C-alpha atoms as a PDB file:
ATOM      1  CA  UNK A   1      -7.868-266.275  71.396  1.00  0.00           C
ATOM      2  CA  UNK A   2      -6.092-265.561  68.136  1.00  0.00           C
ATOM      3  CA  UNK A   3      -8.119-263.608  65.627  1.00  0.00           C
ATOM      4  CA  UNK A   4      -7.314-262.983  61.985  1.00  0.00           C
ATOM      5  CA  UNK A   5      -6.841-259.474  60.637  1.00  0.00           C
ATOM      6  CA  UNK A   6      -6.216-258.346  57.075  1.00  0.00           C
ATOM      7  CA  UNK A   7      -3.881-255.460  56.266  1.00  0.00           C
ATOM      8  CA  UNK A   8      -4.426-254.055  52.785  1.00  0.00           C
ATOM      9  CA  UNK A   9      -1.923-251.976  50.789  1.00  0.00           C
ATOM     10  CA  UNK A  10      -2.578-249.918  47.686  1.00  0.00           C
ATOM     11  CA  UNK A  11      -0.518-250.538  44.571  1.00  0.00           C
ATOM     12  CA  UNK A  12       1.380-247.339  45.287  1.00  0.00           C
ATOM     13  CA  UNK A  13       3.502-247.099  48.454  1.00  0.00           C
ATOM     14  CA  UNK A  14       1.533-245.745  51.406  1.00  0.00           C
ATOM     15  CA  UNK A  15       2.122-245.225  55.096  1.00  0.00           C
ATOM     16  CA  UNK A  16       1.366-248.132  57.411  1.00  0.00           C
ATOM     17  CA  UNK A  17      -2.280-248.501  58.317  1.00  0.00           C
ATOM     18  CA  UNK A  18      -3.118-246.821  61.600  1.00  0.00           C
ATOM     19  CA  UNK A  19      -4.572-248.708  64.524  1.00  0.00           C
ATOM     20  CA  UNK A  20      -8.351-248.589  64.718  1.00  0.00           C
ATOM     21  CA  UNK A  21      -9.847-245.868  66.891  1.00  0.00           C
ATOM     22  CA  UNK A  22     -10.966-247.442  70.159  1.00  0.00           C
ATOM     23  CA  UNK A  23     -14.555-247.615  71.320  1.00  0.00           C
ATOM     24  CA  UNK A  24     -15.616-244.725  73.512  1.00  0.00           C
ATOM     25  CA  UNK A  25     -18.442-246.231  75.517  1.00  0.00           C
ATOM     26  CA  UNK A  26     -20.546-249.309  75.944  1.00  0.00           C
ATOM     27  CA  UNK A  27     -23.769-248.702  77.800  1.00  0.00           C
ATOM     28  CA  UNK A  28     -25.187-245.391  78.918  1.00  0.00           C
ATOM     29  CA  UNK A  29     -28.935-245.842  78.738  1.00  0.00           C
ATOM     30  CA  UNK A  30     -31.528-248.227  80.132  1.00  0.00           C
ATOM     31  CA  UNK A  31     -35.185-248.548  79.144  1.00  0.00           C
ATOM     32  CA  UNK A  32     -37.821-251.039  80.194  1.00  0.00           C
ATOM     33  CA  UNK A  33     -38.469-252.093  76.593  1.00  0.00           C
ATOM     34  CA  UNK A  34     -34.917-252.697  75.454  1.00  0.00           C
ATOM     35  CA  UNK A  35     -32.646-253.282  78.412  1.00  0.00           C
ATOM     36  CA  UNK A  36     -29.222-251.670  78.167  1.00  0.00           C
ATOM     37  CA  UNK A  37     -28.439-249.815  74.953  1.00  0.00           C
ATOM     38  CA  UNK A  38     -25.367-248.536  73.180  1.00  0.00           C
ATOM     39  CA  UNK A  39     -26.139-244.905  72.362  1.00  0.00           C
ATOM     40  CA  UNK A  40     -23.351-243.462  70.207  1.00  0.00           C
ATOM     41  CA  UNK A  41     -20.696-246.158  70.078  1.00  0.00           C
ATOM     42  CA  UNK A  42     -17.728-244.819  68.147  1.00  0.00           C
ATOM     43  CA  UNK A  43     -17.699-241.506  66.279  1.00  0.00           C
ATOM     44  CA  UNK A  44     -21.477-241.372  65.783  1.00  0.00           C
ATOM     45  CA  UNK A  45     -21.814-244.962  64.607  1.00  0.00           C
ATOM     46  CA  UNK A  46     -25.222-245.137  66.279  1.00  0.00           C
ATOM     47  CA  UNK A  47     -28.005-242.841  67.316  1.00  0.00           C
ATOM     48  CA  UNK A  48     -29.117-245.643  69.626  1.00  0.00           C
ATOM     49  CA  UNK A  49     -28.435-249.319  68.988  1.00  0.00           C
ATOM     50  CA  UNK A  50     -30.071-252.684  69.704  1.00  0.00           C
ATOM     51  CA  UNK A  51     -33.595-251.641  70.702  1.00  0.00           C
ATOM     52  CA  UNK A  52     -35.954-254.640  70.970  1.00  0.00           C
ATOM     53  CA  UNK A  53     -39.576-254.543  69.778  1.00  0.00           C
ATOM     54  CA  UNK A  54     -42.412-257.068  69.409  1.00  0.00           C
ATOM     55  CA  UNK A  55     -41.371-259.565  72.032  1.00  0.00           C
ATOM     56  CA  UNK A  56     -44.872-259.473  73.539  1.00  0.00           C
ATOM     57  CA  UNK A  57     -45.352-261.718  76.564  1.00  0.00           C
ATOM     58  CA  UNK A  58     -41.786-263.003  76.502  1.00  0.00           C
ATOM     59  CA  UNK A  59     -39.403-261.730  79.160  1.00  0.00           C
ATOM     60  CA  UNK A  60     -36.050-260.300  78.054  1.00  0.00           C
ATOM     61  CA  UNK A  61     -32.680-260.140  79.771  1.00  0.00           C
ATOM     62  CA  UNK A  62     -29.565-258.685  78.162  1.00  0.00           C
ATOM     63  CA  UNK A  63     -25.803-258.986  78.586  1.00  0.00           C
ATOM     64  CA  UNK A  64     -23.578-256.508  76.689  1.00  0.00           C
ATOM     65  CA  UNK A  65     -19.786-256.577  76.637  1.00  0.00           C
ATOM     66  CA  UNK A  66     -17.207-254.409  74.902  1.00  0.00           C
ATOM     67  CA  UNK A  67     -14.519-256.486  73.216  1.00  0.00           C
ATOM     68  CA  UNK A  68     -12.190-253.501  73.082  1.00  0.00           C
ATOM     69  CA  UNK A  69      -9.309-255.180  71.281  1.00  0.00           C
ATOM     70  CA  UNK A  70     -11.691-256.237  68.526  1.00  0.00           C
ATOM     71  CA  UNK A  71     -13.587-252.884  68.398  1.00  0.00           C
ATOM     72  CA  UNK A  72     -16.757-254.936  68.793  1.00  0.00           C
ATOM     73  CA  UNK A  73     -19.871-254.951  70.959  1.00  0.00           C
ATOM     74  CA  UNK A  74     -21.078-258.418  71.964  1.00  0.00           C
ATOM     75  CA  UNK A  75     -24.759-258.661  72.875  1.00  0.00           C
ATOM     76  CA  UNK A  76     -26.655-261.656  74.249  1.00  0.00           C
ATOM     77  CA  UNK A  77     -30.435-261.313  74.484  1.00  0.00           C
ATOM     78  CA  UNK A  78     -32.216-264.086  76.385  1.00  0.00           C
ATOM     79  CA  UNK A  79     -35.946-264.529  75.823  1.00  0.00           C
ATOM     80  CA  UNK A  80     -38.069-266.628  78.205  1.00  0.00           C
ATOM     81  CA  UNK A  81     -41.673-267.783  77.968  1.00  0.00           C
ATOM     82  CA  UNK A  82     -43.101-267.532  81.473  1.00  0.00           C
ATOM     83  CA  UNK A  83     -46.688-268.123  80.334  1.00  0.00           C
ATOM     84  CA  UNK A  84     -48.691-271.346  80.136  1.00  0.00           C
ATOM     85  CA  UNK A  85     -48.985-271.350  76.331  1.00  0.00           C
ATOM     86  CA  UNK A  86     -46.594-271.592  73.389  1.00  0.00           C
ATOM     87  CA  UNK A  87     -45.582-268.199  71.981  1.00  0.00           C
ATOM     88  CA  UNK A  88     -44.569-267.579  68.367  1.00  0.00           C
ATOM     89  CA  UNK A  89     -43.475-264.065  67.456  1.00  0.00           C
ATOM     90  CA  UNK A  90     -41.107-262.132  65.220  1.00  0.00           C
ATOM     91  CA  UNK A  91     -38.894-259.971  67.406  1.00  0.00           C
ATOM     92  CA  UNK A  92     -37.318-256.881  65.831  1.00  0.00           C
ATOM     93  CA  UNK A  93     -33.904-255.640  66.938  1.00  0.00           C
ATOM     94  CA  UNK A  94     -33.606-252.028  65.728  1.00  0.00           C
ATOM     95  CA  UNK A  95     -30.481-249.876  65.435  1.00  0.00           C
ATOM     96  CA  UNK A  96     -30.708-246.197  64.504  1.00  0.00           C
ATOM     97  CA  UNK A  97     -27.600-245.619  62.399  1.00  0.00           C
ATOM     98  CA  UNK A  98     -25.552-242.454  62.770  1.00  0.00           C
ATOM     99  CA  UNK A  99     -25.390-242.136  58.987  1.00  0.00           C
ATOM    100  CA  UNK A 100     -28.630-240.093  58.887  1.00  0.00           C
ATOM    101  CA  UNK A 101     -29.837-241.622  55.642  1.00  0.00           C
ATOM    102  CA  UNK A 102     -26.504-241.676  53.787  1.00  0.00           C
ATOM    103  CA  UNK A 103     -25.815-245.418  53.958  1.00  0.00           C
ATOM    104  CA  UNK A 104     -23.598-247.343  51.584  1.00  0.00           C
ATOM    105  CA  UNK A 105     -24.641-250.990  51.809  1.00  0.00           C
ATOM    106  CA  UNK A 106     -21.735-253.369  51.293  1.00  0.00           C
ATOM    107  CA  UNK A 107     -23.703-256.530  52.087  1.00  0.00           C
ATOM    108  CA  UNK A 108     -26.881-257.621  53.856  1.00  0.00           C
ATOM    109  CA  UNK A 109     -28.758-260.865  54.301  1.00  0.00           C
ATOM    110  CA  UNK A 110     -28.013-264.208  55.931  1.00  0.00           C
ATOM    111  CA  UNK A 111     -25.850-263.978  59.067  1.00  0.00           C
ATOM    112  CA  UNK A 112     -24.133-260.649  58.299  1.00  0.00           C
ATOM    113  CA  UNK A 113     -24.596-257.060  57.141  1.00  0.00           C
ATOM    114  CA  UNK A 114     -21.971-254.361  56.490  1.00  0.00           C
ATOM    115  CA  UNK A 115     -22.606-250.668  55.916  1.00  0.00           C
ATOM    116  CA  UNK A 116     -21.015-247.236  56.308  1.00  0.00           C
ATOM    117  CA  UNK A 117     -21.895-243.578  55.874  1.00  0.00           C
ATOM    118  CA  UNK A 118     -21.353-242.372  52.303  1.00  0.00           C
ATOM    119  CA  UNK A 119     -21.694-238.612  52.369  1.00  0.00           C
ATOM    120  CA  UNK A 120     -19.432-236.316  50.359  1.00  0.00           C
ATOM    121  CA  UNK A 121     -16.635-238.095  48.571  1.00  0.00           C
ATOM    122  CA  UNK A 122     -16.041-241.252  46.625  1.00  0.00           C
ATOM    123  CA  UNK A 123     -15.632-244.694  48.096  1.00  0.00           C
ATOM    124  CA  UNK A 124     -12.028-245.296  49.152  1.00  0.00           C
ATOM    125  CA  UNK A 125     -11.339-241.706  50.171  1.00  0.00           C
ATOM    126  CA  UNK A 126      -9.980-240.688  53.590  1.00  0.00           C
ATOM    127  CA  UNK A 127     -12.546-241.194  56.323  1.00  0.00           C
ATOM    128  CA  UNK A 128     -11.686-238.661  59.027  1.00  0.00           C
ATOM    129  CA  UNK A 129     -15.115-237.005  58.794  1.00  0.00           C
ATOM    130  CA  UNK A 130     -17.133-240.186  58.525  1.00  0.00           C
ATOM    131  CA  UNK A 131     -18.750-242.723  60.793  1.00  0.00           C
ATOM    132  CA  UNK A 132     -16.997-246.080  61.103  1.00  0.00           C
ATOM    133  CA  UNK A 133     -17.723-249.112  58.988  1.00  0.00           C
ATOM    134  CA  UNK A 134     -20.278-251.314  60.761  1.00  0.00           C
ATOM    135  CA  UNK A 135     -20.427-255.086  60.387  1.00  0.00           C
ATOM    136  CA  UNK A 136     -23.301-256.812  62.159  1.00  0.00           C
ATOM    137  CA  UNK A 137     -22.865-260.569  62.676  1.00  0.00           C
ATOM    138  CA  UNK A 138     -25.935-262.480  63.861  1.00  0.00           C
ATOM    139  CA  UNK A 139     -25.375-266.183  63.265  1.00  0.00           C
ATOM    140  CA  UNK A 140     -23.393-269.020  61.742  1.00  0.00           C
ATOM    141  CA  UNK A 141     -25.754-272.011  61.666  1.00  0.00           C
ATOM    142  CA  UNK A 142     -28.999-273.420  60.281  1.00  0.00           C
ATOM    143  CA  UNK A 143     -31.127-271.744  62.963  1.00  0.00           C
ATOM    144  CA  UNK A 144     -29.872-268.275  62.069  1.00  0.00           C
ATOM    145  CA  UNK A 145     -30.219-268.895  58.335  1.00  0.00           C
ATOM    146  CA  UNK A 146     -33.838-269.977  58.777  1.00  0.00           C
ATOM    147  CA  UNK A 147     -34.994-267.567  61.485  1.00  0.00           C
ATOM    148  CA  UNK A 148     -32.912-264.366  61.436  1.00  0.00           C
ATOM    149  CA  UNK A 149     -32.667-261.746  58.699  1.00  0.00           C
ATOM    150  CA  UNK A 150     -30.824-258.426  58.636  1.00  0.00           C
ATOM    151  CA  UNK A 151     -31.727-255.385  56.571  1.00  0.00           C
ATOM    152  CA  UNK A 152     -30.020-252.006  56.128  1.00  0.00           C
ATOM    153  CA  UNK A 153     -32.348-249.209  55.039  1.00  0.00           C
ATOM    154  CA  UNK A 154     -32.442-245.443  55.351  1.00  0.00           C
ATOM    155  CA  UNK A 155     -30.826-244.562  58.679  1.00  0.00           C
ATOM    156  CA  UNK A 156     -31.484-247.951  60.277  1.00  0.00           C
ATOM    157  CA  UNK A 157     -30.505-251.579  60.624  1.00  0.00           C
ATOM    158  CA  UNK A 158     -33.233-254.089  61.478  1.00  0.00           C
ATOM    159  CA  UNK A 159     -32.689-257.659  62.568  1.00  0.00           C
ATOM    160  CA  UNK A 160     -35.882-259.754  62.547  1.00  0.00           C
ATOM    161  CA  UNK A 161     -35.867-262.923  64.662  1.00  0.00           C
ATOM    162  CA  UNK A 162     -38.591-265.574  64.431  1.00  0.00           C
ATOM    163  CA  UNK A 163     -39.037-267.273  67.810  1.00  0.00           C
ATOM    164  CA  UNK A 164     -41.263-270.115  69.004  1.00  0.00           C
ATOM    165  CA  UNK A 165     -40.962-270.860  72.718  1.00  0.00           C
ATOM    166  CA  UNK A 166     -42.878-273.437  74.724  1.00  0.00           C
ATOM    167  CA  UNK A 167     -43.978-272.673  78.303  1.00  0.00           C
ATOM    168  CA  UNK A 168     -40.920-272.314  80.527  1.00  0.00           C
ATOM    169  CA  UNK A 169     -38.491-272.344  77.594  1.00  0.00           C
ATOM    170  CA  UNK A 170     -35.626-269.844  77.184  1.00  0.00           C
ATOM    171  CA  UNK A 171     -33.477-269.060  74.167  1.00  0.00           C
ATOM    172  CA  UNK A 172     -30.361-266.934  73.731  1.00  0.00           C
ATOM    173  CA  UNK A 173     -29.751-264.798  70.638  1.00  0.00           C
ATOM    174  CA  UNK A 174     -26.134-263.679  70.293  1.00  0.00           C
ATOM    175  CA  UNK A 175     -24.860-260.992  67.943  1.00  0.00           C
ATOM    176  CA  UNK A 176     -21.835-258.801  67.357  1.00  0.00           C
ATOM    177  CA  UNK A 177     -21.397-255.268  66.019  1.00  0.00           C
ATOM    178  CA  UNK A 178     -17.884-254.396  64.826  1.00  0.00           C
ATOM    179  CA  UNK A 179     -17.092-250.682  64.372  1.00  0.00           C
ATOM    180  CA  UNK A 180     -13.922-250.130  62.354  1.00  0.00           C
ATOM    181  CA  UNK A 181     -12.358-246.774  61.467  1.00  0.00           C
ATOM    182  CA  UNK A 182      -8.655-246.128  60.996  1.00  0.00           C
ATOM    183  CA  UNK A 183      -8.717-242.773  59.165  1.00  0.00           C
ATOM    184  CA  UNK A 184      -7.100-244.068  55.977  1.00  0.00           C
ATOM    185  CA  UNK A 185      -9.508-245.604  53.466  1.00  0.00           C
ATOM    186  CA  UNK A 186     -12.962-247.177  53.387  1.00  0.00           C
ATOM    187  CA  UNK A 187     -11.997-250.336  51.517  1.00  0.00           C
ATOM    188  CA  UNK A 188      -9.410-251.183  54.163  1.00  0.00           C
ATOM    189  CA  UNK A 189     -11.928-250.516  56.930  1.00  0.00           C
ATOM    190  CA  UNK A 190     -14.505-252.750  55.227  1.00  0.00           C
ATOM    191  CA  UNK A 191     -12.009-255.588  54.864  1.00  0.00           C
ATOM    192  CA  UNK A 192     -10.855-255.264  58.479  1.00  0.00           C
ATOM    193  CA  UNK A 193     -14.402-255.190  59.893  1.00  0.00           C
ATOM    194  CA  UNK A 194     -15.384-258.227  57.841  1.00  0.00           C
ATOM    195  CA  UNK A 195     -12.233-260.106  58.864  1.00  0.00           C
ATOM    196  CA  UNK A 196     -13.047-259.525  62.527  1.00  0.00           C
ATOM    197  CA  UNK A 197     -16.597-260.771  61.903  1.00  0.00           C
ATOM    198  CA  UNK A 198     -15.189-263.837  60.126  1.00  0.00           C
ATOM    199  CA  UNK A 199     -13.121-264.631  63.214  1.00  0.00           C
ATOM    200  CA  UNK A 200     -16.166-264.388  65.484  1.00  0.00           C
ATOM    201  CA  UNK A 201     -18.210-266.511  63.080  1.00  0.00           C
ATOM    202  CA  UNK A 202     -15.535-269.209  63.234  1.00  0.00           C
ATOM    203  CA  UNK A 203     -15.209-269.027  67.037  1.00  0.00           C
ATOM    204  CA  UNK A 204     -18.061-267.034  68.609  1.00  0.00           C
ATOM    205  CA  UNK A 205     -17.538-267.924  72.268  1.00  0.00           C
ATOM    206  CA  UNK A 206     -13.843-267.883  73.213  1.00  0.00           C
ATOM    207  CA  UNK A 207     -12.866-264.637  74.907  1.00  0.00           C
ATOM    208  CA  UNK A 208     -16.328-263.062  74.669  1.00  0.00           C
ATOM    209  CA  UNK A 209     -17.111-263.134  78.394  1.00  0.00           C
ATOM    210  CA  UNK A 210     -19.982-265.623  78.232  1.00  0.00           C
ATOM    211  CA  UNK A 211     -20.510-268.293  80.876  1.00  0.00           C
ATOM    212  CA  UNK A 212     -20.978-271.961  80.027  1.00  0.00           C
ATOM    213  CA  UNK A 213     -24.669-271.625  80.874  1.00  0.00           C
ATOM    214  CA  UNK A 214     -25.057-268.630  78.556  1.00  0.00           C
ATOM    215  CA  UNK A 215     -23.232-270.407  75.728  1.00  0.00           C
ATOM    216  CA  UNK A 216     -25.511-273.424  76.113  1.00  0.00           C
ATOM    217  CA  UNK A 217     -28.553-271.165  75.627  1.00  0.00           C
ATOM    218  CA  UNK A 218     -27.373-269.649  72.331  1.00  0.00           C
ATOM    219  CA  UNK A 219     -29.429-270.867  69.359  1.00  0.00           C
ATOM    220  CA  UNK A 220     -27.943-268.918  66.450  1.00  0.00           C
ATOM    221  CA  UNK A 221     -24.230-269.772  66.769  1.00  0.00           C
ATOM    222  CA  UNK A 222     -22.381-273.071  66.849  1.00  0.00           C
ATOM    223  CA  UNK A 223     -18.892-273.338  68.317  1.00  0.00           C
ATOM    224  CA  UNK A 224     -15.932-273.690  65.967  1.00  0.00           C
ATOM    225  CA  UNK A 225     -17.978-273.235  62.826  1.00  0.00           C
ATOM    226  CA  UNK A 226     -16.269-272.997  59.416  1.00  0.00           C
ATOM    227  CA  UNK A 227     -15.111-269.474  58.605  1.00  0.00           C
ATOM    228  CA  UNK A 228     -17.621-267.410  56.654  1.00  0.00           C
ATOM    229  CA  UNK A 229     -16.449-267.092  53.018  1.00  0.00           C
ATOM    230  CA  UNK A 230     -15.776-263.654  51.629  1.00  0.00           C
ATOM    231  CA  UNK A 231     -18.979-262.149  50.191  1.00  0.00           C
ATOM    232  CA  UNK A 232     -19.170-261.755  46.438  1.00  0.00           C
ATOM    233  CA  UNK A 233     -19.178-257.973  46.827  1.00  0.00           C
ATOM    234  CA  UNK A 234     -15.835-257.816  48.614  1.00  0.00           C
ATOM    235  CA  UNK A 235     -13.559-258.644  45.650  1.00  0.00           C
ATOM    236  CA  UNK A 236     -15.211-255.795  43.753  1.00  0.00           C
ATOM    237  CA  UNK A 237     -14.715-253.452  46.679  1.00  0.00           C
ATOM    238  CA  UNK A 238     -11.043-254.376  46.815  1.00  0.00           C
ATOM    239  CA  UNK A 239     -10.373-253.694  43.128  1.00  0.00           C
ATOM    240  CA  UNK A 240      -7.148-251.742  42.820  1.00  0.00           C
ATOM    241  CA  UNK A 241      -5.726-253.085  46.067  1.00  0.00           C
ATOM    242  CA  UNK A 242      -2.447-254.796  45.454  1.00  0.00           C
ATOM    243  CA  UNK A 243      -1.167-256.523  48.555  1.00  0.00           C
ATOM    244  CA  UNK A 244      -2.695-258.705  51.202  1.00  0.00           C
ATOM    245  CA  UNK A 245      -0.813-259.438  54.420  1.00  0.00           C
ATOM    246  CA  UNK A 246      -2.115-261.641  57.187  1.00  0.00           C
ATOM    247  CA  UNK A 247      -1.472-260.461  60.731  1.00  0.00           C
ATOM    248  CA  UNK A 248      -2.251-262.323  63.916  1.00  0.00           C
ATOM    249  CA  UNK A 249      -2.664-261.035  67.391  1.00  0.00           C
ATOM    250  CA  UNK A 250      -3.857-262.419  70.666  1.00  0.00           C
END
C-alpha cells in the first residue's frame, strides 16, 4: 500500500528531516475491563491508552496491531449484544496522555484529533525532550460523524461512541493512533502525523492486518473514502514553512 508523506522545509536551508523514531512496544497489559492496552507507546506518548468504559452488558473483543512503518497503532474493538433486549449506550474510550496536563491542541472534533505536549519552549522548537505528536483517527463516514466524538482535555483524550445494538448484533469500531517524532520541529511532526492519518482515512483497510470478516464488521470507516481535507488550523501552523515535497513509499 502506498501512503502519502509530506516533507516540510523551512525557508532557510536545513538538514534533511530525520526518520521518525520507531515505536517501542505495542501491548504489555491486559485488564478485564479494557482488553489489551498500549501503556507507554513511544517516548511517553501515553500513560495508558485505549481503556474502554460504559459498555455495560455488551461483550468486547479487541485486536491491536502495530503498523511500524507508519508509526501507528491500529485498534479494532468489536462490541456484541448477547442479551435478549436492544442495548443503547455511549461507550467511552479513554487515553491517559503522557503530556501530564501540558497539551497543545492542534485539532479535535469529527473523525480526528491532534495534540502534543507543550512544556517549555515555543511551538516549532526542537522536540528532543518532548512526547511525540499524536493524531487520533476514528472515522471517515456518516456513522462516525453522527455517533463518534473526540475530545482532548487536561492529560487525556476521550472518544465517545454512541451504540445501539439489537439482540445478537455485533459492531466493529476501528481507530488509529499515529505517534510522530523526528527530533527536528513540531510543525513538521504535526504535518507528517496528519498526512499519515489522511492516508488511512482514504484507505483504512489495506495493509492493516484485518480479515475480510473484521472489515465487514467495521461501522465507522468506508473503504476508499475521499482523502480528509487539511484542517483549517494546519495552514496557520505551517506559517513560515517554505517548501512542500511529496514523498511516496510502500
